[in-house]
Amino acid sequence: MFFLLAVSAFAAVKFKQGALTITQDARRAALQVEVADTPETRSQGLMFRQRLAENAGMLFIFEEQSLWSFWMKNTLI
């Protein structure tokens, strides 16, 4: 029962959408990203996702510059 409640709670978190282009030398990659810029969205991340579209990803934004570590709990993709 707790697991179902936890999954339902995460489903309610809404991510901002954005476009991101990464350029290195002559190469470019255009991505559609979900923006994780709040404690709630960063905490959820990609948990319980069954799939992720091609050229899609998640951009994690923090208020301050630092070295951040990630724990990818329940990340299926």
C-alpha atoms as a PDB file:
ATOM      1  CA  MET A   1       0.000   0.000   0.000  1.00  0.00           C
ATOM      2  CA  PHE A   2       2.801   2.442   0.903  1.00  0.00           C
ATOM      3  CA  PHE A   3       4.505   1.778  -2.443  1.00  0.00           C
ATOM      4  CA  LEU A   4       1.346   2.730  -4.351  1.00  0.00           C
ATOM      5  CA  LEU A   5       0.957   5.913  -2.334  1.00  0.00           C
ATOM      6  CA  ALA A   6       4.594   6.848  -2.937  1.00  0.00           C
ATOM      7  CA  VAL A   7       4.290   6.288  -6.693  1.00  0.00           C
ATOM      8  CA  SER A   8       1.067   8.325  -6.777  1.00  0.00           C
ATOM      9  CA  ALA A   9       2.723  11.194  -4.910  1.00  0.00           C
ATOM     10  CA  PHE A  10       5.617  11.283  -7.378  1.00  0.00           C
ATOM     11  CA  ALA A  11       3.219  11.289 -10.317  1.00  0.00           C
ATOM     12  CA  ALA A  12       1.827  14.613  -9.079  1.00  0.00           C
ATOM     13  CA  VAL A  13       5.178  16.434  -9.437  1.00  0.00           C
ATOM     14  CA  LYS A  14       5.240  18.593 -12.578  1.00  0.00           C
ATOM     15  CA  PHE A  15       8.427  19.345 -14.483  1.00  0.00           C
ATOM     16  CA  LYS A  16       9.053  22.435 -16.595  1.00  0.00           C
ATOM     17  CA  GLN A  17       9.865  21.632 -20.235  1.00  0.00           C
ATOM     18  CA  GLY A  18      12.732  23.107 -22.202  1.00  0.00           C
ATOM     19  CA  ALA A  19      15.083  22.767 -25.139  1.00  0.00           C
ATOM     20  CA  LEU A  20      18.813  22.280 -24.661  1.00  0.00           C
ATOM     21  CA  THR A  21      21.522  22.278 -27.315  1.00  0.00           C
ATOM     22  CA  ILE A  22      24.956  20.919 -26.478  1.00  0.00           C
ATOM     23  CA  THR A  23      27.793  21.912 -28.797  1.00  0.00           C
ATOM     24  CA  GLN A  24      31.275  20.441 -28.884  1.00  0.00           C
ATOM     25  CA  ASP A  25      33.604  21.394 -31.715  1.00  0.00           C
ATOM     26  CA  ALA A  26      31.507  20.947 -34.875  1.00  0.00           C
ATOM     27  CA  ARG A  27      29.001  18.561 -33.280  1.00  0.00           C
ATOM     28  CA  ARG A  28      25.614  19.560 -31.889  1.00  0.00           C
ATOM     29  CA  ALA A  29      22.996  17.637 -29.959  1.00  0.00           C
ATOM     30  CA  ALA A  30      19.504  19.082 -29.568  1.00  0.00           C
ATOM     31  CA  LEU A  31      17.560  17.691 -26.619  1.00  0.00           C
ATOM     32  CA  GLN A  32      14.105  18.160 -25.152  1.00  0.00           C
ATOM     33  CA  VAL A  33      14.549  18.252 -21.387  1.00  0.00           C
ATOM     34  CA  GLU A  34      12.473  18.196 -18.273  1.00  0.00           C
ATOM     35  CA  VAL A  35      13.854  20.700 -15.776  1.00  0.00           C
ATOM     36  CA  ALA A  36      14.402  19.569 -12.187  1.00  0.00           C
ATOM     37  CA  ASP A  37      14.942  22.857 -10.358  1.00  0.00           C
ATOM     38  CA  THR A  38      13.146  22.394  -7.035  1.00  0.00           C
ATOM     39  CA  PRO A  39      13.883  20.020  -4.150  1.00  0.00           C
ATOM     40  CA  GLU A  40      10.769  18.017  -5.092  1.00  0.00           C
ATOM     41  CA  THR A  41      11.597  17.656  -8.780  1.00  0.00           C
ATOM     42  CA  ARG A  42      15.275  16.912  -8.101  1.00  0.00           C
ATOM     43  CA  SER A  43      14.264  14.286  -5.547  1.00  0.00           C
ATOM     44  CA  GLN A  44      11.930  12.546  -7.984  1.00  0.00           C
ATOM     45  CA  GLY A  45      14.245  12.766 -10.977  1.00  0.00           C
ATOM     46  CA  LEU A  46      13.581   9.878 -13.350  1.00  0.00           C
ATOM     47  CA  MET A  47      12.258   7.464 -10.718  1.00  0.00           C
ATOM     48  CA  PHE A  48       9.745   4.884 -11.914  1.00  0.00           C
ATOM     49  CA  ARG A  49       9.973   5.962 -15.568  1.00  0.00           C
ATOM     50  CA  GLN A  50       9.427   3.097 -17.970  1.00  0.00           C
ATOM     51  CA  ARG A  51      10.818   4.926 -20.996  1.00  0.00           C
ATOM     52  CA  LEU A  52      12.413   8.138 -22.162  1.00  0.00           C
ATOM     53  CA  ALA A  53      11.973   9.507 -25.671  1.00  0.00           C
ATOM     54  CA  GLU A  54      14.925   9.669 -28.022  1.00  0.00           C
ATOM     55  CA  ASN A  55      16.826  12.955 -27.657  1.00  0.00           C
ATOM     56  CA  ALA A  56      15.146  13.595 -24.316  1.00  0.00           C
ATOM     57  CA  GLY A  57      16.626  14.006 -20.872  1.00  0.00           C
ATOM     58  CA  MET A  58      16.483  15.770 -17.552  1.00  0.00           C
ATOM     59  CA  LEU A  59      18.389  18.896 -16.586  1.00  0.00           C
ATOM     60  CA  PHE A  60      19.125  19.292 -12.866  1.00  0.00           C
ATOM     61  CA  ILE A  61      19.526  22.905 -11.731  1.00  0.00           C
ATOM     62  CA  PHE A  62      20.731  23.892  -8.263  1.00  0.00           C
ATOM     63  CA  GLU A  63      20.731  27.257  -6.507  1.00  0.00           C
ATOM     64  CA  GLU A  64      24.454  27.184  -5.832  1.00  0.00           C
ATOM     65  CA  GLN A  65      27.537  25.860  -7.536  1.00  0.00           C
ATOM     66  CA  SER A  66      28.915  22.736  -5.889  1.00  0.00           C
ATOM     67  CA  LEU A  67      29.803  19.117  -6.508  1.00  0.00           C
ATOM     68  CA  TRP A  68      26.524  17.213  -6.288  1.00  0.00           C
ATOM     69  CA  SER A  69      26.134  13.466  -5.987  1.00  0.00           C
ATOM     70  CA  PHE A  70      23.141  11.534  -7.279  1.00  0.00           C
ATOM     71  CA  TRP A  71      21.507   8.375  -6.035  1.00  0.00           C
ATOM     72  CA  MET A  72      19.404   6.898  -8.809  1.00  0.00           C
ATOM     73  CA  LYS A  73      16.917   4.977  -6.669  1.00  0.00           C
ATOM     74  CA  ASN A  74      14.131   3.213  -8.594  1.00  0.00           C
ATOM     75  CA  THR A  75      15.449   4.504 -11.927  1.00  0.00           C
ATOM     76  CA  LEU A  76      14.351   1.861 -14.427  1.00  0.00           C
ATOM     77  CA  ILE A  77      15.675   3.433 -17.621  1.00  0.00           C
END
